[in-house]
Amino acid sequence: MRSRSRRLDEDKRRSLIDAAIEEIAANGMDGASYNRIIERSGLSKGAVYYYFENKESLYRIVLEEVERKFLEAVGTLRIPDDRDAFWGVCRSYYRKAIDFAASNLKTIEVVRGLVDPSRGASLGRGAALEPMRRAERWVLYALKKGQDLGALRTDVEPELLWNMLRSLGHTMDSWLFERLRDDERPVDADAFVEFAIDVYRGVLSP
């Protein structure tokens, strides 16, 4: 897919990405309208179609922008060389990630729609592939290092640990994001992080 967004003026690029996030959040992945995204952005159809052939090419840029914002706010998890420090570092990083999500709920909802097959979205699947591959490669590296440190169980392959981690994370994160949107039932983020890390440790520790 052709995408020439790097030539696009930054303000226009920002307007287009924000419009895409608003439209997808309001109407879902497959229900989002490319024409409505363009209308929301205030840009001309000709300009948008020049830089982005279709929704999927735009979605790819949206994901890349979210990835950039996440890394800018949260950083990259640095796996320690000390086994005893492993879970403390993971807990601290997970809390930062939760804080980012809580401050960017609409954006996170869009990303979940792109990468979660259970939601039935089809158009975003190709756009999500490369960012998801990067995330998977990094998680597998972190799991392998945790095994080498003795902080994680070694009786199963890192790939299986990753699948378990992803399933658990999806279940817990889905619950958390629902509660974060519910003003009448506030959630204690610290208590949630402690619970989540305790679950992960119970499954992944030797």
N, C-alpha and C. Protein backbone atom coordinates (compact mmCIF):
# COMPACT_ATOMS: atom_id res chain seq x y z
N MET A 1 0.83 -1.19 0.00
CA MET A 1 0.00 0.00 0.00
C MET A 1 0.88 1.26 0.00
N ARG A 2 0.52 2.24 -0.84
CA ARG A 2 1.31 3.46 -0.88
C ARG A 2 0.89 4.36 0.26
N SER A 3 1.86 4.92 0.95
CA SER A 3 1.59 5.92 1.98
C SER A 3 2.72 6.93 1.94
N ARG A 4 2.40 8.19 1.62
CA ARG A 4 3.43 9.20 1.49
C ARG A 4 3.24 10.28 2.54
N SER A 5 2.87 9.85 3.75
CA SER A 5 2.48 10.79 4.79
C SER A 5 3.63 11.67 5.24
N ARG A 6 4.89 11.24 5.01
CA ARG A 6 5.99 12.04 5.49
C ARG A 6 6.11 13.37 4.74
N ARG A 7 5.49 13.46 3.59
CA ARG A 7 5.47 14.71 2.84
C ARG A 7 4.32 15.62 3.29
N LEU A 8 3.43 15.09 4.08
CA LEU A 8 2.25 15.84 4.50
C LEU A 8 2.63 16.81 5.61
N ASP A 9 2.14 18.04 5.52
CA ASP A 9 2.36 19.03 6.56
C ASP A 9 1.95 18.45 7.92
N GLU A 10 2.77 18.70 8.96
CA GLU A 10 2.54 18.07 10.25
C GLU A 10 1.17 18.41 10.84
N ASP A 11 0.74 19.66 10.70
CA ASP A 11 -0.57 20.03 11.23
C ASP A 11 -1.69 19.28 10.52
N LYS A 12 -1.57 19.14 9.21
CA LYS A 12 -2.58 18.40 8.45
C LYS A 12 -2.53 16.92 8.80
N ARG A 13 -1.33 16.41 8.97
CA ARG A 13 -1.18 15.00 9.35
C ARG A 13 -1.84 14.75 10.70
N ARG A 14 -1.60 15.68 11.65
CA ARG A 14 -2.19 15.55 12.98
C ARG A 14 -3.71 15.60 12.90
N SER A 15 -4.23 16.51 12.09
CA SER A 15 -5.69 16.63 11.94
C SER A 15 -6.29 15.36 11.37
N LEU A 16 -5.59 14.76 10.42
CA LEU A 16 -6.10 13.54 9.79
C LEU A 16 -6.07 12.37 10.76
N ILE A 17 -4.99 12.23 11.51
CA ILE A 17 -4.89 11.15 12.49
C ILE A 17 -5.95 11.31 13.58
N ASP A 18 -6.10 12.53 14.09
CA ASP A 18 -7.11 12.78 15.13
C ASP A 18 -8.52 12.48 14.60
N ALA A 19 -8.77 12.87 13.36
CA ALA A 19 -10.09 12.61 12.76
C ALA A 19 -10.33 11.11 12.62
N ALA A 20 -9.30 10.36 12.24
CA ALA A 20 -9.43 8.91 12.11
C ALA A 20 -9.73 8.27 13.46
N ILE A 21 -9.05 8.72 14.50
CA ILE A 21 -9.29 8.18 15.84
C ILE A 21 -10.72 8.47 16.29
N GLU A 22 -11.19 9.69 16.08
CA GLU A 22 -12.55 10.06 16.46
C GLU A 22 -13.58 9.21 15.71
N GLU A 23 -13.39 9.06 14.42
CA GLU A 23 -14.34 8.32 13.59
C GLU A 23 -14.36 6.84 13.96
N ILE A 24 -13.19 6.24 14.15
CA ILE A 24 -13.14 4.81 14.49
C ILE A 24 -13.72 4.58 15.88
N ALA A 25 -13.40 5.49 16.82
CA ALA A 25 -13.94 5.34 18.17
C ALA A 25 -15.46 5.45 18.17
N ALA A 26 -16.00 6.27 17.30
CA ALA A 26 -17.46 6.48 17.26
C ALA A 26 -18.20 5.37 16.53
N ASN A 27 -17.58 4.79 15.50
CA ASN A 27 -18.30 3.86 14.62
C ASN A 27 -17.67 2.49 14.46
N GLY A 28 -16.58 2.23 15.18
CA GLY A 28 -15.94 0.93 15.04
C GLY A 28 -15.05 0.87 13.81
N MET A 29 -14.27 -0.19 13.74
CA MET A 29 -13.29 -0.31 12.67
C MET A 29 -13.93 -0.42 11.30
N ASP A 30 -14.78 -1.42 11.13
CA ASP A 30 -15.38 -1.63 9.81
C ASP A 30 -16.49 -0.63 9.52
N GLY A 31 -17.04 0.01 10.56
CA GLY A 31 -18.10 0.98 10.35
C GLY A 31 -17.60 2.38 10.07
N ALA A 32 -16.30 2.59 10.26
CA ALA A 32 -15.73 3.92 10.02
C ALA A 32 -15.80 4.26 8.53
N SER A 33 -16.10 5.50 8.25
CA SER A 33 -16.21 5.97 6.86
C SER A 33 -15.00 6.82 6.50
N TYR A 34 -14.34 6.43 5.41
CA TYR A 34 -13.19 7.21 4.95
C TYR A 34 -13.62 8.64 4.62
N ASN A 35 -14.80 8.79 4.02
CA ASN A 35 -15.28 10.14 3.68
C ASN A 35 -15.54 10.97 4.94
N ARG A 36 -16.08 10.33 5.99
CA ARG A 36 -16.32 11.08 7.23
C ARG A 36 -15.00 11.46 7.89
N ILE A 37 -14.01 10.58 7.81
CA ILE A 37 -12.68 10.91 8.34
C ILE A 37 -12.15 12.16 7.65
N ILE A 38 -12.28 12.19 6.34
CA ILE A 38 -11.80 13.34 5.57
C ILE A 38 -12.56 14.60 5.97
N GLU A 39 -13.89 14.47 6.14
CA GLU A 39 -14.70 15.62 6.55
C GLU A 39 -14.28 16.12 7.93
N ARG A 40 -14.08 15.19 8.85
CA ARG A 40 -13.66 15.56 10.20
C ARG A 40 -12.32 16.30 10.18
N SER A 41 -11.43 15.89 9.29
CA SER A 41 -10.08 16.46 9.26
C SER A 41 -10.06 17.87 8.68
N GLY A 42 -11.08 18.21 7.87
CA GLY A 42 -11.10 19.51 7.23
C GLY A 42 -10.21 19.61 6.00
N LEU A 43 -9.65 18.49 5.56
CA LEU A 43 -8.78 18.47 4.39
C LEU A 43 -9.58 18.13 3.14
N SER A 44 -9.01 18.41 2.00
CA SER A 44 -9.69 18.08 0.75
C SER A 44 -9.52 16.59 0.43
N LYS A 45 -10.50 16.03 -0.26
CA LYS A 45 -10.42 14.62 -0.64
C LYS A 45 -9.19 14.36 -1.50
N GLY A 46 -8.91 15.28 -2.41
CA GLY A 46 -7.78 15.09 -3.30
C GLY A 46 -6.47 14.97 -2.54
N ALA A 47 -6.29 15.82 -1.52
CA ALA A 47 -5.06 15.78 -0.73
C ALA A 47 -4.94 14.47 0.04
N VAL A 48 -6.04 14.05 0.67
CA VAL A 48 -6.00 12.83 1.47
C VAL A 48 -5.77 11.60 0.59
N TYR A 49 -6.47 11.51 -0.52
CA TYR A 49 -6.30 10.36 -1.41
C TYR A 49 -4.91 10.32 -2.03
N TYR A 50 -4.27 11.47 -2.13
CA TYR A 50 -2.91 11.47 -2.66
C TYR A 50 -1.95 10.79 -1.68
N TYR A 51 -2.14 11.07 -0.39
CA TYR A 51 -1.22 10.52 0.60
C TYR A 51 -1.62 9.12 1.07
N PHE A 52 -2.93 8.84 1.07
CA PHE A 52 -3.41 7.55 1.57
C PHE A 52 -4.41 6.97 0.57
N GLU A 53 -4.10 5.80 0.07
CA GLU A 53 -4.97 5.18 -0.93
C GLU A 53 -6.32 4.76 -0.37
N ASN A 54 -6.32 4.32 0.90
CA ASN A 54 -7.54 3.78 1.49
C ASN A 54 -7.44 3.81 3.00
N LYS A 55 -8.46 3.29 3.66
CA LYS A 55 -8.47 3.30 5.12
C LYS A 55 -7.31 2.52 5.71
N GLU A 56 -6.98 1.39 5.12
CA GLU A 56 -5.93 0.57 5.70
C GLU A 56 -4.59 1.29 5.73
N SER A 57 -4.28 2.02 4.67
CA SER A 57 -3.01 2.75 4.66
C SER A 57 -3.02 3.86 5.70
N LEU A 58 -4.19 4.46 5.95
CA LEU A 58 -4.30 5.47 7.00
C LEU A 58 -4.21 4.82 8.37
N TYR A 59 -4.85 3.67 8.55
CA TYR A 59 -4.79 2.98 9.84
C TYR A 59 -3.35 2.65 10.23
N ARG A 60 -2.55 2.31 9.25
CA ARG A 60 -1.15 1.99 9.54
C ARG A 60 -0.45 3.20 10.16
N ILE A 61 -0.72 4.37 9.62
CA ILE A 61 -0.11 5.58 10.16
C ILE A 61 -0.65 5.88 11.56
N VAL A 62 -1.94 5.62 11.78
CA VAL A 62 -2.52 5.81 13.10
C VAL A 62 -1.81 4.94 14.13
N LEU A 63 -1.60 3.67 13.79
CA LEU A 63 -0.91 2.77 14.71
C LEU A 63 0.52 3.21 14.97
N GLU A 64 1.21 3.64 13.94
CA GLU A 64 2.59 4.09 14.11
C GLU A 64 2.64 5.32 15.01
N GLU A 65 1.65 6.20 14.88
CA GLU A 65 1.60 7.39 15.72
C GLU A 65 1.32 7.02 17.17
N VAL A 66 0.42 6.08 17.40
CA VAL A 66 0.13 5.63 18.77
C VAL A 66 1.37 4.98 19.37
N GLU A 67 2.05 4.16 18.58
CA GLU A 67 3.28 3.52 19.05
C GLU A 67 4.31 4.57 19.45
N ARG A 68 4.44 5.61 18.63
CA ARG A 68 5.40 6.68 18.92
C ARG A 68 5.03 7.40 20.22
N LYS A 69 3.74 7.72 20.38
CA LYS A 69 3.29 8.42 21.58
C LYS A 69 3.49 7.56 22.83
N PHE A 70 3.22 6.26 22.69
CA PHE A 70 3.38 5.36 23.83
C PHE A 70 4.84 5.31 24.27
N LEU A 71 5.75 5.12 23.32
CA LEU A 71 7.17 5.03 23.66
C LEU A 71 7.69 6.35 24.20
N GLU A 72 7.15 7.45 23.70
CA GLU A 72 7.56 8.77 24.18
C GLU A 72 7.13 8.96 25.63
N ALA A 73 5.94 8.47 25.98
CA ALA A 73 5.40 8.66 27.32
C ALA A 73 5.91 7.62 28.31
N VAL A 74 6.02 6.39 27.87
CA VAL A 74 6.31 5.27 28.77
C VAL A 74 7.75 4.77 28.64
N GLY A 75 8.30 4.89 27.44
CA GLY A 75 9.66 4.40 27.21
C GLY A 75 9.67 2.91 26.90
N THR A 76 10.86 2.38 26.79
CA THR A 76 11.05 0.95 26.53
C THR A 76 11.41 0.24 27.82
N LEU A 77 10.82 -0.89 28.06
CA LEU A 77 11.14 -1.66 29.26
C LEU A 77 12.56 -2.19 29.17
N ARG A 78 13.38 -1.81 30.14
CA ARG A 78 14.76 -2.28 30.21
C ARG A 78 14.82 -3.48 31.17
N ILE A 79 15.01 -4.65 30.61
CA ILE A 79 15.06 -5.85 31.45
C ILE A 79 16.35 -5.83 32.27
N PRO A 80 16.26 -5.92 33.59
CA PRO A 80 17.47 -5.88 34.42
C PRO A 80 18.28 -7.16 34.30
N ASP A 81 19.51 -7.09 34.73
CA ASP A 81 20.37 -8.28 34.74
C ASP A 81 20.28 -9.02 36.07
N ASP A 82 19.47 -8.50 36.97
CA ASP A 82 19.32 -9.06 38.31
C ASP A 82 17.96 -9.75 38.43
N ARG A 83 17.99 -11.04 38.74
CA ARG A 83 16.74 -11.80 38.86
C ARG A 83 15.80 -11.17 39.87
N ASP A 84 16.34 -10.74 41.02
CA ASP A 84 15.49 -10.20 42.07
C ASP A 84 14.80 -8.90 41.68
N ALA A 85 15.38 -8.19 40.70
CA ALA A 85 14.81 -6.91 40.28
C ALA A 85 13.79 -7.07 39.16
N PHE A 86 13.70 -8.26 38.58
CA PHE A 86 12.91 -8.47 37.37
C PHE A 86 11.45 -8.04 37.53
N TRP A 87 10.77 -8.59 38.52
CA TRP A 87 9.34 -8.32 38.65
C TRP A 87 9.05 -6.91 39.12
N GLY A 88 9.96 -6.32 39.91
CA GLY A 88 9.78 -4.93 40.32
C GLY A 88 9.83 -3.98 39.14
N VAL A 89 10.75 -4.23 38.23
CA VAL A 89 10.86 -3.42 37.01
C VAL A 89 9.61 -3.60 36.15
N CYS A 90 9.16 -4.84 36.03
CA CYS A 90 7.94 -5.11 35.24
C CYS A 90 6.73 -4.41 35.83
N ARG A 91 6.63 -4.43 37.15
CA ARG A 91 5.49 -3.78 37.82
C ARG A 91 5.50 -2.27 37.54
N SER A 92 6.67 -1.65 37.69
CA SER A 92 6.78 -0.21 37.47
C SER A 92 6.41 0.17 36.03
N TYR A 93 6.87 -0.63 35.08
CA TYR A 93 6.59 -0.34 33.67
C TYR A 93 5.10 -0.54 33.37
N TYR A 94 4.53 -1.60 33.92
CA TYR A 94 3.11 -1.88 33.69
C TYR A 94 2.25 -0.75 34.23
N ARG A 95 2.64 -0.21 35.38
CA ARG A 95 1.88 0.92 35.95
C ARG A 95 1.95 2.13 35.02
N LYS A 96 3.11 2.39 34.45
CA LYS A 96 3.23 3.51 33.51
C LYS A 96 2.35 3.28 32.28
N ALA A 97 2.31 2.05 31.81
CA ALA A 97 1.49 1.72 30.64
C ALA A 97 0.01 1.92 30.95
N ILE A 98 -0.41 1.54 32.16
CA ILE A 98 -1.81 1.72 32.57
C ILE A 98 -2.14 3.21 32.66
N ASP A 99 -1.22 4.00 33.18
CA ASP A 99 -1.45 5.44 33.26
C ASP A 99 -1.61 6.04 31.87
N PHE A 100 -0.79 5.58 30.93
CA PHE A 100 -0.91 6.07 29.55
C PHE A 100 -2.28 5.70 28.98
N ALA A 101 -2.68 4.46 29.19
CA ALA A 101 -3.98 4.01 28.67
C ALA A 101 -5.13 4.81 29.28
N ALA A 102 -5.06 5.06 30.59
CA ALA A 102 -6.13 5.80 31.26
C ALA A 102 -6.25 7.22 30.74
N SER A 103 -5.13 7.79 30.30
CA SER A 103 -5.13 9.16 29.78
C SER A 103 -5.44 9.22 28.29
N ASN A 104 -5.49 8.07 27.64
CA ASN A 104 -5.70 8.02 26.18
C ASN A 104 -6.70 6.91 25.82
N LEU A 105 -7.83 6.89 26.54
CA LEU A 105 -8.78 5.79 26.39
C LEU A 105 -9.31 5.64 24.96
N LYS A 106 -9.62 6.76 24.32
CA LYS A 106 -10.17 6.69 22.97
C LYS A 106 -9.15 6.10 22.01
N THR A 107 -7.90 6.53 22.15
CA THR A 107 -6.83 6.01 21.29
C THR A 107 -6.62 4.53 21.52
N ILE A 108 -6.60 4.12 22.79
CA ILE A 108 -6.38 2.71 23.11
C ILE A 108 -7.52 1.86 22.57
N GLU A 109 -8.74 2.38 22.63
CA GLU A 109 -9.89 1.64 22.12
C GLU A 109 -9.75 1.40 20.62
N VAL A 110 -9.25 2.39 19.90
CA VAL A 110 -9.04 2.24 18.46
C VAL A 110 -7.99 1.18 18.18
N VAL A 111 -6.90 1.21 18.92
CA VAL A 111 -5.84 0.22 18.72
C VAL A 111 -6.35 -1.18 19.02
N ARG A 112 -7.13 -1.32 20.09
CA ARG A 112 -7.67 -2.64 20.41
C ARG A 112 -8.57 -3.14 19.29
N GLY A 113 -9.32 -2.24 18.68
CA GLY A 113 -10.15 -2.63 17.56
C GLY A 113 -9.34 -3.09 16.37
N LEU A 114 -8.17 -2.50 16.19
CA LEU A 114 -7.30 -2.88 15.08
C LEU A 114 -6.66 -4.24 15.27
N VAL A 115 -6.27 -4.55 16.51
CA VAL A 115 -5.44 -5.73 16.72
C VAL A 115 -6.18 -6.91 17.33
N ASP A 116 -7.44 -6.72 17.75
CA ASP A 116 -8.17 -7.79 18.42
C ASP A 116 -9.12 -8.49 17.44
N PRO A 117 -8.79 -9.70 17.00
CA PRO A 117 -9.64 -10.40 16.04
C PRO A 117 -11.04 -10.67 16.54
N SER A 118 -11.23 -10.79 17.85
CA SER A 118 -12.54 -11.13 18.40
C SER A 118 -13.57 -10.02 18.16
N ARG A 119 -13.10 -8.84 17.80
CA ARG A 119 -14.02 -7.73 17.57
C ARG A 119 -14.59 -7.74 16.17
N GLY A 120 -14.10 -8.65 15.35
CA GLY A 120 -14.68 -8.81 14.03
C GLY A 120 -14.23 -7.81 13.00
N ALA A 121 -13.29 -6.93 13.35
CA ALA A 121 -12.81 -5.94 12.38
C ALA A 121 -11.89 -6.62 11.39
N SER A 122 -12.06 -6.28 10.13
CA SER A 122 -11.23 -6.91 9.10
C SER A 122 -10.30 -5.92 8.41
N LEU A 123 -10.73 -4.67 8.30
CA LEU A 123 -9.96 -3.71 7.52
C LEU A 123 -8.65 -3.33 8.18
N GLY A 124 -8.60 -3.38 9.50
CA GLY A 124 -7.39 -2.95 10.17
C GLY A 124 -6.34 -4.02 10.33
N ARG A 125 -6.71 -5.26 10.00
CA ARG A 125 -5.82 -6.36 10.30
C ARG A 125 -4.45 -6.24 9.63
N GLY A 126 -4.43 -5.91 8.32
CA GLY A 126 -3.16 -5.77 7.62
C GLY A 126 -2.34 -4.62 8.15
N ALA A 127 -3.01 -3.52 8.49
CA ALA A 127 -2.31 -2.35 9.00
C ALA A 127 -1.64 -2.64 10.33
N ALA A 128 -2.21 -3.56 11.11
CA ALA A 128 -1.69 -3.84 12.44
C ALA A 128 -0.53 -4.81 12.44
N LEU A 129 -0.29 -5.48 11.33
CA LEU A 129 0.66 -6.59 11.33
C LEU A 129 2.06 -6.19 11.77
N GLU A 130 2.65 -5.18 11.15
CA GLU A 130 4.04 -4.86 11.46
C GLU A 130 4.22 -4.34 12.88
N PRO A 131 3.40 -3.39 13.37
CA PRO A 131 3.53 -2.99 14.76
C PRO A 131 3.36 -4.16 15.73
N MET A 132 2.44 -5.08 15.42
CA MET A 132 2.25 -6.23 16.29
C MET A 132 3.44 -7.18 16.23
N ARG A 133 4.02 -7.32 15.06
CA ARG A 133 5.21 -8.16 14.95
C ARG A 133 6.35 -7.58 15.78
N ARG A 134 6.51 -6.27 15.74
CA ARG A 134 7.56 -5.63 16.55
C ARG A 134 7.32 -5.89 18.03
N ALA A 135 6.06 -5.73 18.46
CA ALA A 135 5.73 -5.97 19.86
C ALA A 135 5.99 -7.41 20.25
N GLU A 136 5.61 -8.35 19.38
CA GLU A 136 5.80 -9.76 19.69
C GLU A 136 7.28 -10.11 19.77
N ARG A 137 8.08 -9.59 18.85
CA ARG A 137 9.52 -9.86 18.90
C ARG A 137 10.12 -9.36 20.20
N TRP A 138 9.69 -8.17 20.62
CA TRP A 138 10.24 -7.61 21.83
C TRP A 138 9.82 -8.42 23.06
N VAL A 139 8.55 -8.82 23.13
CA VAL A 139 8.07 -9.59 24.28
C VAL A 139 8.77 -10.94 24.35
N LEU A 140 8.96 -11.58 23.22
CA LEU A 140 9.66 -12.87 23.21
C LEU A 140 11.09 -12.71 23.70
N TYR A 141 11.73 -11.61 23.32
CA TYR A 141 13.08 -11.33 23.83
C TYR A 141 13.06 -11.17 25.34
N ALA A 142 12.09 -10.38 25.86
CA ALA A 142 12.00 -10.15 27.29
C ALA A 142 11.72 -11.45 28.05
N LEU A 143 10.86 -12.29 27.50
CA LEU A 143 10.56 -13.58 28.15
C LEU A 143 11.79 -14.48 28.17
N LYS A 144 12.52 -14.51 27.08
CA LYS A 144 13.73 -15.34 27.03
C LYS A 144 14.76 -14.85 28.04
N LYS A 145 14.92 -13.53 28.14
CA LYS A 145 15.87 -13.00 29.11
C LYS A 145 15.41 -13.31 30.53
N GLY A 146 14.10 -13.22 30.78
CA GLY A 146 13.58 -13.57 32.10
C GLY A 146 13.86 -15.02 32.44
N GLN A 147 13.75 -15.89 31.44
CA GLN A 147 14.08 -17.31 31.65
C GLN A 147 15.56 -17.47 31.95
N ASP A 148 16.40 -16.78 31.21
CA ASP A 148 17.85 -16.88 31.42
C ASP A 148 18.24 -16.39 32.81
N LEU A 149 17.51 -15.41 33.33
CA LEU A 149 17.79 -14.90 34.67
C LEU A 149 17.29 -15.84 35.76
N GLY A 150 16.40 -16.76 35.40
CA GLY A 150 15.79 -17.63 36.39
C GLY A 150 14.54 -17.03 37.01
N ALA A 151 14.06 -15.91 36.45
CA ALA A 151 12.87 -15.26 36.98
C ALA A 151 11.59 -15.86 36.41
N LEU A 152 11.70 -16.55 35.27
CA LEU A 152 10.54 -17.15 34.61
C LEU A 152 10.76 -18.64 34.43
N ARG A 153 9.69 -19.37 34.39
CA ARG A 153 9.77 -20.83 34.23
C ARG A 153 10.40 -21.18 32.89
N THR A 154 11.14 -22.27 32.89
CA THR A 154 11.85 -22.71 31.68
C THR A 154 11.34 -24.05 31.16
N ASP A 155 10.25 -24.55 31.74
CA ASP A 155 9.75 -25.85 31.30
C ASP A 155 8.86 -25.73 30.06
N VAL A 156 8.62 -24.50 29.60
CA VAL A 156 7.85 -24.28 28.37
C VAL A 156 8.59 -23.26 27.51
N GLU A 157 8.30 -23.28 26.21
CA GLU A 157 8.96 -22.36 25.28
C GLU A 157 8.44 -20.93 25.47
N PRO A 158 9.28 -19.93 25.15
CA PRO A 158 8.84 -18.53 25.26
C PRO A 158 7.57 -18.25 24.46
N GLU A 159 7.41 -18.92 23.31
CA GLU A 159 6.23 -18.69 22.48
C GLU A 159 4.94 -19.06 23.21
N LEU A 160 4.99 -20.16 24.00
CA LEU A 160 3.80 -20.56 24.76
C LEU A 160 3.56 -19.57 25.90
N LEU A 161 4.64 -19.13 26.55
CA LEU A 161 4.49 -18.12 27.60
C LEU A 161 3.86 -16.85 27.03
N TRP A 162 4.26 -16.48 25.84
CA TRP A 162 3.71 -15.29 25.19
C TRP A 162 2.22 -15.45 24.93
N ASN A 163 1.81 -16.61 24.46
CA ASN A 163 0.39 -16.85 24.20
C ASN A 163 -0.43 -16.79 25.49
N MET A 164 0.13 -17.35 26.56
CA MET A 164 -0.55 -17.29 27.85
C MET A 164 -0.64 -15.84 28.35
N LEU A 165 0.46 -15.13 28.22
CA LEU A 165 0.52 -13.74 28.66
C LEU A 165 -0.48 -12.89 27.89
N ARG A 166 -0.57 -13.11 26.59
CA ARG A 166 -1.47 -12.33 25.75
C ARG A 166 -2.93 -12.60 26.13
N SER A 167 -3.27 -13.85 26.38
CA SER A 167 -4.65 -14.19 26.75
C SER A 167 -5.03 -13.58 28.10
N LEU A 168 -4.13 -13.72 29.06
CA LEU A 168 -4.40 -13.13 30.38
C LEU A 168 -4.51 -11.62 30.28
N GLY A 169 -3.58 -11.02 29.55
CA GLY A 169 -3.57 -9.57 29.42
C GLY A 169 -4.83 -9.05 28.76
N HIS A 170 -5.31 -9.75 27.74
CA HIS A 170 -6.52 -9.32 27.04
C HIS A 170 -7.72 -9.34 28.00
N THR A 171 -7.83 -10.39 28.79
CA THR A 171 -8.95 -10.51 29.72
C THR A 171 -8.92 -9.41 30.77
N MET A 172 -7.75 -9.20 31.37
CA MET A 172 -7.65 -8.20 32.43
C MET A 172 -7.76 -6.79 31.89
N ASP A 173 -7.12 -6.53 30.75
CA ASP A 173 -7.17 -5.18 30.19
C ASP A 173 -8.59 -4.82 29.73
N SER A 174 -9.32 -5.79 29.19
CA SER A 174 -10.70 -5.53 28.76
C SER A 174 -11.54 -5.10 29.95
N TRP A 175 -11.38 -5.80 31.06
CA TRP A 175 -12.11 -5.43 32.27
C TRP A 175 -11.71 -4.03 32.73
N LEU A 176 -10.40 -3.77 32.75
CA LEU A 176 -9.91 -2.48 33.24
C LEU A 176 -10.43 -1.33 32.38
N PHE A 177 -10.38 -1.46 31.06
CA PHE A 177 -10.80 -0.37 30.20
C PHE A 177 -12.30 -0.10 30.32
N GLU A 178 -13.08 -1.15 30.54
CA GLU A 178 -14.51 -0.95 30.77
C GLU A 178 -14.74 -0.14 32.04
N ARG A 179 -13.99 -0.47 33.09
CA ARG A 179 -14.16 0.23 34.37
C ARG A 179 -13.64 1.66 34.30
N LEU A 180 -12.58 1.88 33.53
CA LEU A 180 -12.03 3.24 33.41
C LEU A 180 -13.02 4.18 32.73
N ARG A 181 -13.92 3.62 31.92
CA ARG A 181 -14.93 4.44 31.25
C ARG A 181 -16.19 4.62 32.10
N ASP A 182 -16.23 3.93 33.23
CA ASP A 182 -17.42 3.96 34.09
C ASP A 182 -17.16 4.88 35.28
N ASP A 183 -17.69 6.11 35.21
CA ASP A 183 -17.46 7.09 36.27
C ASP A 183 -18.10 6.69 37.59
N GLU A 184 -19.12 5.83 37.53
CA GLU A 184 -19.83 5.46 38.75
C GLU A 184 -19.13 4.32 39.50
N ARG A 185 -18.20 3.66 38.84
CA ARG A 185 -17.48 2.56 39.49
C ARG A 185 -15.98 2.75 39.26
N PRO A 186 -15.37 3.71 39.96
CA PRO A 186 -13.95 3.97 39.76
C PRO A 186 -13.10 2.76 40.15
N VAL A 187 -11.97 2.64 39.47
CA VAL A 187 -11.09 1.51 39.73
C VAL A 187 -9.81 2.01 40.38
N ASP A 188 -9.29 1.25 41.32
CA ASP A 188 -8.03 1.57 41.99
C ASP A 188 -6.90 1.02 41.12
N ALA A 189 -6.20 1.91 40.42
CA ALA A 189 -5.16 1.47 39.48
C ALA A 189 -4.04 0.73 40.19
N ASP A 190 -3.65 1.20 41.38
CA ASP A 190 -2.57 0.53 42.11
C ASP A 190 -2.97 -0.90 42.48
N ALA A 191 -4.20 -1.06 42.96
CA ALA A 191 -4.67 -2.39 43.33
C ALA A 191 -4.76 -3.29 42.11
N PHE A 192 -5.19 -2.73 40.98
CA PHE A 192 -5.27 -3.53 39.75
C PHE A 192 -3.89 -4.00 39.32
N VAL A 193 -2.92 -3.10 39.34
CA VAL A 193 -1.56 -3.47 38.92
C VAL A 193 -1.01 -4.56 39.82
N GLU A 194 -1.21 -4.43 41.12
CA GLU A 194 -0.72 -5.46 42.05
C GLU A 194 -1.38 -6.80 41.75
N PHE A 195 -2.69 -6.78 41.50
CA PHE A 195 -3.40 -8.01 41.18
C PHE A 195 -2.86 -8.62 39.88
N ALA A 196 -2.72 -7.78 38.85
CA ALA A 196 -2.27 -8.28 37.55
C ALA A 196 -0.88 -8.89 37.63
N ILE A 197 0.03 -8.19 38.30
CA ILE A 197 1.40 -8.71 38.42
C ILE A 197 1.40 -10.01 39.21
N ASP A 198 0.55 -10.09 40.24
CA ASP A 198 0.46 -11.32 41.03
C ASP A 198 -0.02 -12.48 40.16
N VAL A 199 -0.98 -12.22 39.27
CA VAL A 199 -1.47 -13.25 38.35
C VAL A 199 -0.36 -13.68 37.40
N TYR A 200 0.32 -12.70 36.82
CA TYR A 200 1.40 -13.02 35.88
C TYR A 200 2.50 -13.83 36.56
N ARG A 201 2.84 -13.43 37.77
CA ARG A 201 3.90 -14.16 38.50
C ARG A 201 3.46 -15.59 38.79
N GLY A 202 2.20 -15.75 39.16
CA GLY A 202 1.71 -17.09 39.46
C GLY A 202 1.79 -18.02 38.27
N VAL A 203 1.58 -17.48 37.09
CA VAL A 203 1.60 -18.29 35.87
C VAL A 203 3.01 -18.46 35.31
N LEU A 204 3.81 -17.41 35.37
CA LEU A 204 5.09 -17.39 34.67
C LEU A 204 6.30 -17.73 35.52
N SER A 205 6.18 -17.62 36.84
CA SER A 205 7.35 -17.87 37.69
C SER A 205 7.67 -19.36 37.77
N PRO A 206 8.94 -19.68 38.07
CA PRO A 206 9.34 -21.11 38.20
C PRO A 206 8.56 -21.81 39.30
